[in-house]
Amino acid sequence: MKTILTILVVIGALAGCSSASVDDSTTGINEAAFTSVKLEKSRVEVFLNQTNTKSTIVDECLIESVQFRITYDNPTLPAGTKVSLHAGESHGDQDYIGDGMGYTPYEAHYWTRIRDVAMTPISGSWSVETSARPNGRMFQDWSSAFGEWRSEIYGATLQFVFRLELPDGTVFWDNRLRQDYWVNGNGPACPGGSTSGFVSVATWGPF
């Protein structure tokens, strides 16, 4: 009986050592990842390329195209890190009721048309381009004699965060300390709303 008990104790001790070895290894990898990556070292910059034109039918500005270029830089990220953009847009809902009735109230919505886009690594930074759509609403102009309905154009608005995947599979989300990143395109002023290629419109960090 003593021999059997001794064998069981030895087996239990060996199993405990094996289990502790696996746990310590995993913990070490996670701790190393968390201590080596500093999200407060991140720097984000957004560039805008937008084309506006004046309508030939009515005297108002039209936004023809909106393109954003977003760059992400963090010197603490190891080589081989994958960065992707998780983005959405602002969007407005408004329905036409009918002649003599006009339109329903304008309702703004955020984080619509959501997409995930892989960013391209370039010399220690990551970059991606994505398009966005402008917004618009109809409103009743009571300064006119009959309260005519007129249109108002808003510039495109982009909301976004970043997904970072380290070479060991660890995933981080950079969401600007839970505030998300927001950027607006130019408003409808013509011709000043157009840009000559990409121009910087917003930056964040290092924090």
C-alpha atoms as a PDB file:
ATOM      1  CA  MET A   1       0.000   0.000   0.000  1.00  0.00           C
ATOM      2  CA  LYS A   2       2.848   2.431   0.866  1.00  0.00           C
ATOM      3  CA  THR A   3       4.446   1.744  -2.524  1.00  0.00           C
ATOM      4  CA  ILE A   4       1.214   2.605  -4.359  1.00  0.00           C
ATOM      5  CA  LEU A   5       0.782   5.853  -2.407  1.00  0.00           C
ATOM      6  CA  THR A   6       4.366   6.868  -3.147  1.00  0.00           C
ATOM      7  CA  ILE A   7       3.860   6.311  -6.881  1.00  0.00           C
ATOM      8  CA  LEU A   8       0.654   8.396  -6.889  1.00  0.00           C
ATOM      9  CA  VAL A   9       2.374  11.281  -5.072  1.00  0.00           C
ATOM     10  CA  VAL A  10       5.257  11.281  -7.559  1.00  0.00           C
ATOM     11  CA  ILE A  11       2.869  11.235 -10.544  1.00  0.00           C
ATOM     12  CA  GLY A  12       0.850  14.100  -9.069  1.00  0.00           C
ATOM     13  CA  ALA A  13       3.990  16.159  -8.509  1.00  0.00           C
ATOM     14  CA  LEU A  14       5.171  15.605 -12.078  1.00  0.00           C
ATOM     15  CA  ALA A  15       1.761  16.589 -13.472  1.00  0.00           C
ATOM     16  CA  GLY A  16       1.774  19.761 -11.386  1.00  0.00           C
ATOM     17  CA  CYS A  17       5.235  20.731 -12.672  1.00  0.00           C
ATOM     18  CA  SER A  18       4.190  20.150 -16.270  1.00  0.00           C
ATOM     19  CA  SER A  19       1.044  22.270 -15.861  1.00  0.00           C
ATOM     20  CA  ALA A  20       2.935  25.108 -14.173  1.00  0.00           C
ATOM     21  CA  SER A  21       5.496  25.103 -16.974  1.00  0.00           C
ATOM     22  CA  VAL A  22       2.820  25.621 -19.658  1.00  0.00           C
ATOM     23  CA  ASP A  23       1.038  28.365 -17.692  1.00  0.00           C
ATOM     24  CA  ASP A  24       4.279  30.245 -16.995  1.00  0.00           C
ATOM     25  CA  SER A  25       5.232  30.146 -20.667  1.00  0.00           C
ATOM     26  CA  THR A  26       1.879  31.555 -21.801  1.00  0.00           C
ATOM     27  CA  THR A  27       1.879  34.242 -19.134  1.00  0.00           C
ATOM     28  CA  GLY A  28       5.383  35.243 -20.124  1.00  0.00           C
ATOM     29  CA  ILE A  29       4.374  35.784 -23.756  1.00  0.00           C
ATOM     30  CA  ASN A  30       1.333  37.873 -22.837  1.00  0.00           C
ATOM     31  CA  GLU A  31       3.234  39.979 -20.327  1.00  0.00           C
ATOM     32  CA  ALA A  32       5.990  40.602 -22.850  1.00  0.00           C
ATOM     33  CA  ALA A  33       3.461  41.727 -25.452  1.00  0.00           C
ATOM     34  CA  PHE A  34       1.659  44.062 -23.073  1.00  0.00           C
ATOM     35  CA  THR A  35       4.841  45.643 -21.744  1.00  0.00           C
ATOM     36  CA  SER A  36       6.525  46.111 -25.125  1.00  0.00           C
ATOM     37  CA  VAL A  37       3.614  47.749 -26.979  1.00  0.00           C
ATOM     38  CA  LYS A  38       2.786  51.311 -25.925  1.00  0.00           C
ATOM     39  CA  LEU A  39      -0.405  52.560 -27.567  1.00  0.00           C
ATOM     40  CA  GLU A  40       0.207  56.051 -26.184  1.00  0.00           C
ATOM     41  CA  LYS A  41       3.167  56.192 -28.597  1.00  0.00           C
ATOM     42  CA  SER A  42       0.806  55.992 -31.575  1.00  0.00           C
ATOM     43  CA  ARG A  43       0.565  58.843 -34.059  1.00  0.00           C
ATOM     44  CA  VAL A  44      -2.376  59.079 -36.459  1.00  0.00           C
ATOM     45  CA  GLU A  45      -2.700  61.466 -39.398  1.00  0.00           C
ATOM     46  CA  VAL A  46      -5.540  61.902 -41.878  1.00  0.00           C
ATOM     47  CA  PHE A  47      -5.263  63.449 -45.341  1.00  0.00           C
ATOM     48  CA  LEU A  48      -8.208  64.572 -47.480  1.00  0.00           C
ATOM     49  CA  ASN A  49      -8.587  64.664 -51.257  1.00  0.00           C
ATOM     50  CA  GLN A  50     -11.937  66.226 -52.197  1.00  0.00           C
ATOM     51  CA  THR A  51     -13.479  67.614 -55.375  1.00  0.00           C
ATOM     52  CA  ASN A  52     -16.358  70.108 -55.292  1.00  0.00           C
ATOM     53  CA  THR A  53     -18.239  71.578 -58.244  1.00  0.00           C
ATOM     54  CA  LYS A  54     -20.957  74.158 -58.685  1.00  0.00           C
ATOM     55  CA  SER A  55     -24.274  72.880 -59.945  1.00  0.00           C
ATOM     56  CA  THR A  56     -25.246  74.123 -63.414  1.00  0.00           C
ATOM     57  CA  ILE A  57     -28.956  73.846 -62.572  1.00  0.00           C
ATOM     58  CA  VAL A  58     -29.095  75.673 -59.250  1.00  0.00           C
ATOM     59  CA  ASP A  59     -26.593  77.933 -57.547  1.00  0.00           C
ATOM     60  CA  GLU A  60     -25.280  75.431 -55.016  1.00  0.00           C
ATOM     61  CA  CYS A  61     -22.156  73.393 -54.401  1.00  0.00           C
ATOM     62  CA  LEU A  62     -21.971  69.662 -55.030  1.00  0.00           C
ATOM     63  CA  ILE A  63     -19.372  67.357 -53.485  1.00  0.00           C
ATOM     64  CA  GLU A  64     -18.303  65.019 -56.276  1.00  0.00           C
ATOM     65  CA  SER A  65     -15.738  62.824 -54.494  1.00  0.00           C
ATOM     66  CA  VAL A  66     -14.176  62.408 -51.049  1.00  0.00           C
ATOM     67  CA  GLN A  67     -11.089  60.297 -50.403  1.00  0.00           C
ATOM     68  CA  PHE A  68      -9.339  59.937 -47.039  1.00  0.00           C
ATOM     69  CA  ARG A  69      -5.771  58.661 -46.553  1.00  0.00           C
ATOM     70  CA  ILE A  70      -5.071  57.483 -43.012  1.00  0.00           C
ATOM     71  CA  THR A  71      -1.606  56.723 -41.636  1.00  0.00           C
ATOM     72  CA  TYR A  72      -0.721  54.942 -38.395  1.00  0.00           C
ATOM     73  CA  ASP A  73       2.716  54.989 -36.780  1.00  0.00           C
ATOM     74  CA  ASN A  74       3.944  53.398 -33.546  1.00  0.00           C
ATOM     75  CA  PRO A  75       7.675  52.680 -33.037  1.00  0.00           C
ATOM     76  CA  THR A  76       6.964  50.110 -30.298  1.00  0.00           C
ATOM     77  CA  LEU A  77       5.191  47.708 -32.668  1.00  0.00           C
ATOM     78  CA  PRO A  78       7.391  44.749 -33.719  1.00  0.00           C
ATOM     79  CA  ALA A  79       8.140  43.969 -37.354  1.00  0.00           C
ATOM     80  CA  GLY A  80       5.443  41.815 -38.898  1.00  0.00           C
ATOM     81  CA  THR A  81       2.573  43.503 -37.035  1.00  0.00           C
ATOM     82  CA  LYS A  82      -0.659  43.673 -39.047  1.00  0.00           C
ATOM     83  CA  VAL A  83      -2.756  46.834 -38.773  1.00  0.00           C
ATOM     84  CA  SER A  84      -6.268  47.207 -40.186  1.00  0.00           C
ATOM     85  CA  LEU A  85      -8.753  50.081 -40.252  1.00  0.00           C
ATOM     86  CA  HIS A  86     -12.245  49.545 -38.828  1.00  0.00           C
ATOM     87  CA  ALA A  87     -14.271  52.486 -40.169  1.00  0.00           C
ATOM     88  CA  GLY A  88     -17.800  53.802 -40.533  1.00  0.00           C
ATOM     89  CA  GLU A  89     -19.496  56.964 -41.784  1.00  0.00           C
ATOM     90  CA  SER A  90     -22.103  59.470 -40.725  1.00  0.00           C
ATOM     91  CA  HIS A  91     -25.381  59.198 -42.586  1.00  0.00           C
ATOM     92  CA  GLY A  92     -28.701  61.066 -42.502  1.00  0.00           C
ATOM     93  CA  ASP A  93     -32.250  59.774 -42.966  1.00  0.00           C
ATOM     94  CA  GLN A  94     -35.074  61.942 -44.265  1.00  0.00           C
ATOM     95  CA  ASP A  95     -38.139  60.943 -46.267  1.00  0.00           C
ATOM     96  CA  TYR A  96     -40.214  62.933 -48.717  1.00  0.00           C
ATOM     97  CA  ILE A  97     -43.832  63.012 -47.539  1.00  0.00           C
ATOM     98  CA  GLY A  98     -45.442  64.560 -50.583  1.00  0.00           C
ATOM     99  CA  ASP A  99     -46.546  67.779 -52.272  1.00  0.00           C
ATOM    100  CA  GLY A 100     -47.568  70.357 -49.727  1.00  0.00           C
ATOM    101  CA  MET A 101     -46.128  68.292 -46.875  1.00  0.00           C
ATOM    102  CA  GLY A 102     -42.381  68.427 -47.546  1.00  0.00           C
ATOM    103  CA  TYR A 103     -39.976  66.137 -45.672  1.00  0.00           C
ATOM    104  CA  THR A 104     -39.761  64.304 -42.370  1.00  0.00           C
ATOM    105  CA  PRO A 105     -37.301  65.621 -39.732  1.00  0.00           C
ATOM    106  CA  TYR A 106     -33.636  64.917 -40.455  1.00  0.00           C
ATOM    107  CA  GLU A 107     -32.102  62.118 -38.362  1.00  0.00           C
ATOM    108  CA  ALA A 108     -28.313  61.719 -38.115  1.00  0.00           C
ATOM    109  CA  HIS A 109     -26.751  58.271 -37.704  1.00  0.00           C
ATOM    110  CA  TYR A 110     -23.148  57.291 -37.035  1.00  0.00           C
ATOM    111  CA  TRP A 111     -20.988  54.248 -37.719  1.00  0.00           C
ATOM    112  CA  THR A 112     -22.891  53.271 -40.873  1.00  0.00           C
ATOM    113  CA  ARG A 113     -21.415  51.623 -43.999  1.00  0.00           C
ATOM    114  CA  ILE A 114     -18.901  49.833 -41.746  1.00  0.00           C
ATOM    115  CA  ARG A 115     -15.875  48.199 -43.357  1.00  0.00           C
ATOM    116  CA  ASP A 116     -12.553  46.625 -42.346  1.00  0.00           C
ATOM    117  CA  VAL A 117      -9.584  47.438 -44.562  1.00  0.00           C
ATOM    118  CA  ALA A 118      -6.032  46.080 -44.232  1.00  0.00           C
ATOM    119  CA  MET A 119      -3.412  48.825 -43.989  1.00  0.00           C
ATOM    120  CA  THR A 120      -0.200  48.664 -46.021  1.00  0.00           C
ATOM    121  CA  PRO A 121       3.097  48.753 -44.081  1.00  0.00           C
ATOM    122  CA  ILE A 122       5.495  51.402 -45.414  1.00  0.00           C
ATOM    123  CA  SER A 123       8.841  52.036 -43.670  1.00  0.00           C
ATOM    124  CA  GLY A 124       7.578  51.446 -40.143  1.00  0.00           C
ATOM    125  CA  SER A 125       4.182  53.078 -40.717  1.00  0.00           C
ATOM    126  CA  TRP A 126       0.868  51.764 -42.038  1.00  0.00           C
ATOM    127  CA  SER A 127      -1.336  53.519 -44.594  1.00  0.00           C
ATOM    128  CA  VAL A 128      -4.728  53.046 -46.240  1.00  0.00           C
ATOM    129  CA  GLU A 129      -7.128  55.042 -48.424  1.00  0.00           C
ATOM    130  CA  THR A 130     -10.912  54.903 -48.230  1.00  0.00           C
ATOM    131  CA  SER A 131     -13.718  56.928 -49.783  1.00  0.00           C
ATOM    132  CA  ALA A 132     -16.687  58.454 -47.967  1.00  0.00           C
ATOM    133  CA  ARG A 133     -20.011  60.006 -48.941  1.00  0.00           C
ATOM    134  CA  PRO A 134     -21.276  63.490 -48.106  1.00  0.00           C
ATOM    135  CA  ASN A 135     -24.501  64.075 -46.236  1.00  0.00           C
ATOM    136  CA  GLY A 136     -27.449  66.335 -46.914  1.00  0.00           C
ATOM    137  CA  ARG A 137     -30.791  67.462 -45.551  1.00  0.00           C
ATOM    138  CA  MET A 138     -33.853  69.333 -46.724  1.00  0.00           C
ATOM    139  CA  PHE A 139     -35.112  72.217 -44.593  1.00  0.00           C
ATOM    140  CA  GLN A 140     -37.914  74.761 -44.837  1.00  0.00           C
ATOM    141  CA  ASP A 141     -36.597  78.271 -45.369  1.00  0.00           C
ATOM    142  CA  TRP A 142     -39.015  80.549 -43.532  1.00  0.00           C
ATOM    143  CA  SER A 143     -37.091  83.622 -44.666  1.00  0.00           C
ATOM    144  CA  SER A 144     -38.636  83.078 -48.107  1.00  0.00           C
ATOM    145  CA  ALA A 145     -42.142  84.227 -48.948  1.00  0.00           C
ATOM    146  CA  PHE A 146     -43.692  80.747 -48.993  1.00  0.00           C
ATOM    147  CA  GLY A 147     -41.369  78.770 -46.691  1.00  0.00           C
ATOM    148  CA  GLU A 148     -39.648  77.034 -49.597  1.00  0.00           C
ATOM    149  CA  TRP A 149     -37.789  73.763 -49.075  1.00  0.00           C
ATOM    150  CA  ARG A 150     -34.048  74.035 -49.661  1.00  0.00           C
ATOM    151  CA  SER A 151     -31.124  71.628 -49.458  1.00  0.00           C
ATOM    152  CA  GLU A 152     -28.086  71.778 -47.203  1.00  0.00           C
ATOM    153  CA  ILE A 153     -24.967  69.693 -47.901  1.00  0.00           C
ATOM    154  CA  TYR A 154     -22.700  68.366 -45.115  1.00  0.00           C
ATOM    155  CA  GLY A 155     -19.153  67.177 -45.663  1.00  0.00           C
ATOM    156  CA  ALA A 156     -18.369  63.473 -45.318  1.00  0.00           C
ATOM    157  CA  THR A 157     -17.586  62.326 -41.763  1.00  0.00           C
ATOM    158  CA  LEU A 158     -15.527  59.230 -40.962  1.00  0.00           C
ATOM    159  CA  GLN A 159     -15.355  57.370 -37.633  1.00  0.00           C
ATOM    160  CA  PHE A 160     -12.610  54.785 -37.179  1.00  0.00           C
ATOM    161  CA  VAL A 161     -10.416  52.700 -34.857  1.00  0.00           C
ATOM    162  CA  PHE A 162      -7.432  50.415 -35.478  1.00  0.00           C
ATOM    163  CA  ARG A 163      -6.964  46.659 -35.031  1.00  0.00           C
ATOM    164  CA  LEU A 164      -3.366  45.647 -34.324  1.00  0.00           C
ATOM    165  CA  GLU A 165      -2.279  42.013 -34.534  1.00  0.00           C
ATOM    166  CA  LEU A 166       1.239  41.211 -33.309  1.00  0.00           C
ATOM    167  CA  PRO A 167       3.319  38.410 -34.896  1.00  0.00           C
ATOM    168  CA  ASP A 168       2.529  36.147 -31.886  1.00  0.00           C
ATOM    169  CA  GLY A 169      -1.222  36.564 -32.497  1.00  0.00           C
ATOM    170  CA  THR A 170      -1.896  39.057 -29.687  1.00  0.00           C
ATOM    171  CA  VAL A 171      -4.577  41.592 -30.731  1.00  0.00           C
ATOM    172  CA  PHE A 172      -4.892  45.205 -29.557  1.00  0.00           C
ATOM    173  CA  TRP A 173      -7.537  47.788 -30.406  1.00  0.00           C
ATOM    174  CA  ASP A 174      -6.500  51.437 -30.594  1.00  0.00           C
ATOM    175  CA  ASN A 175      -9.742  53.391 -30.144  1.00  0.00           C
ATOM    176  CA  ARG A 176      -8.292  56.654 -28.817  1.00  0.00           C
ATOM    177  CA  LEU A 177      -8.997  55.776 -25.196  1.00  0.00           C
ATOM    178  CA  ARG A 178     -12.591  54.723 -26.043  1.00  0.00           C
ATOM    179  CA  GLN A 179     -13.387  57.988 -27.786  1.00  0.00           C
ATOM    180  CA  ASP A 180     -12.889  56.695 -31.358  1.00  0.00           C
ATOM    181  CA  TYR A 181     -11.222  58.760 -34.070  1.00  0.00           C
ATOM    182  CA  TRP A 182     -13.414  61.220 -36.021  1.00  0.00           C
ATOM    183  CA  VAL A 183     -12.587  63.281 -39.099  1.00  0.00           C
ATOM    184  CA  ASN A 184     -14.702  65.613 -41.259  1.00  0.00           C
ATOM    185  CA  GLY A 185     -14.386  66.414 -44.936  1.00  0.00           C
ATOM    186  CA  ASN A 186     -14.727  69.987 -46.093  1.00  0.00           C
ATOM    187  CA  GLY A 187     -18.141  71.604 -46.228  1.00  0.00           C
ATOM    188  CA  PRO A 188     -19.855  72.631 -49.463  1.00  0.00           C
ATOM    189  CA  ALA A 189     -18.169  76.028 -49.970  1.00  0.00           C
ATOM    190  CA  CYS A 190     -17.179  76.319 -53.647  1.00  0.00           C
ATOM    191  CA  PRO A 191     -14.509  76.384 -54.866  1.00  0.00           C
ATOM    192  CA  GLY A 192     -12.680  76.476 -51.518  1.00  0.00           C
ATOM    193  CA  GLY A 193     -13.871  73.006 -50.532  1.00  0.00           C
ATOM    194  CA  SER A 194     -11.811  71.307 -53.238  1.00  0.00           C
ATOM    195  CA  THR A 195      -8.245  70.232 -52.516  1.00  0.00           C
ATOM    196  CA  SER A 196      -5.254  69.925 -54.826  1.00  0.00           C
ATOM    197  CA  GLY A 197      -4.404  66.330 -54.045  1.00  0.00           C
ATOM    198  CA  PHE A 198      -4.166  65.047 -50.472  1.00  0.00           C
ATOM    199  CA  VAL A 199      -3.842  67.642 -47.690  1.00  0.00           C
ATOM    200  CA  SER A 200      -3.474  66.984 -43.954  1.00  0.00           C
ATOM    201  CA  VAL A 201      -6.708  67.675 -42.049  1.00  0.00           C
ATOM    202  CA  ALA A 202      -6.253  65.957 -38.649  1.00  0.00           C
ATOM    203  CA  THR A 203      -3.534  64.496 -36.387  1.00  0.00           C
ATOM    204  CA  TRP A 204      -3.464  62.726 -33.017  1.00  0.00           C
ATOM    205  CA  GLY A 205      -0.573  61.669 -30.757  1.00  0.00           C
ATOM    206  CA  PRO A 206       1.799  60.668 -29.560  1.00  0.00           C
ATOM    207  CA  PHE A 207      -0.320  60.928 -26.421  1.00  0.00           C
END
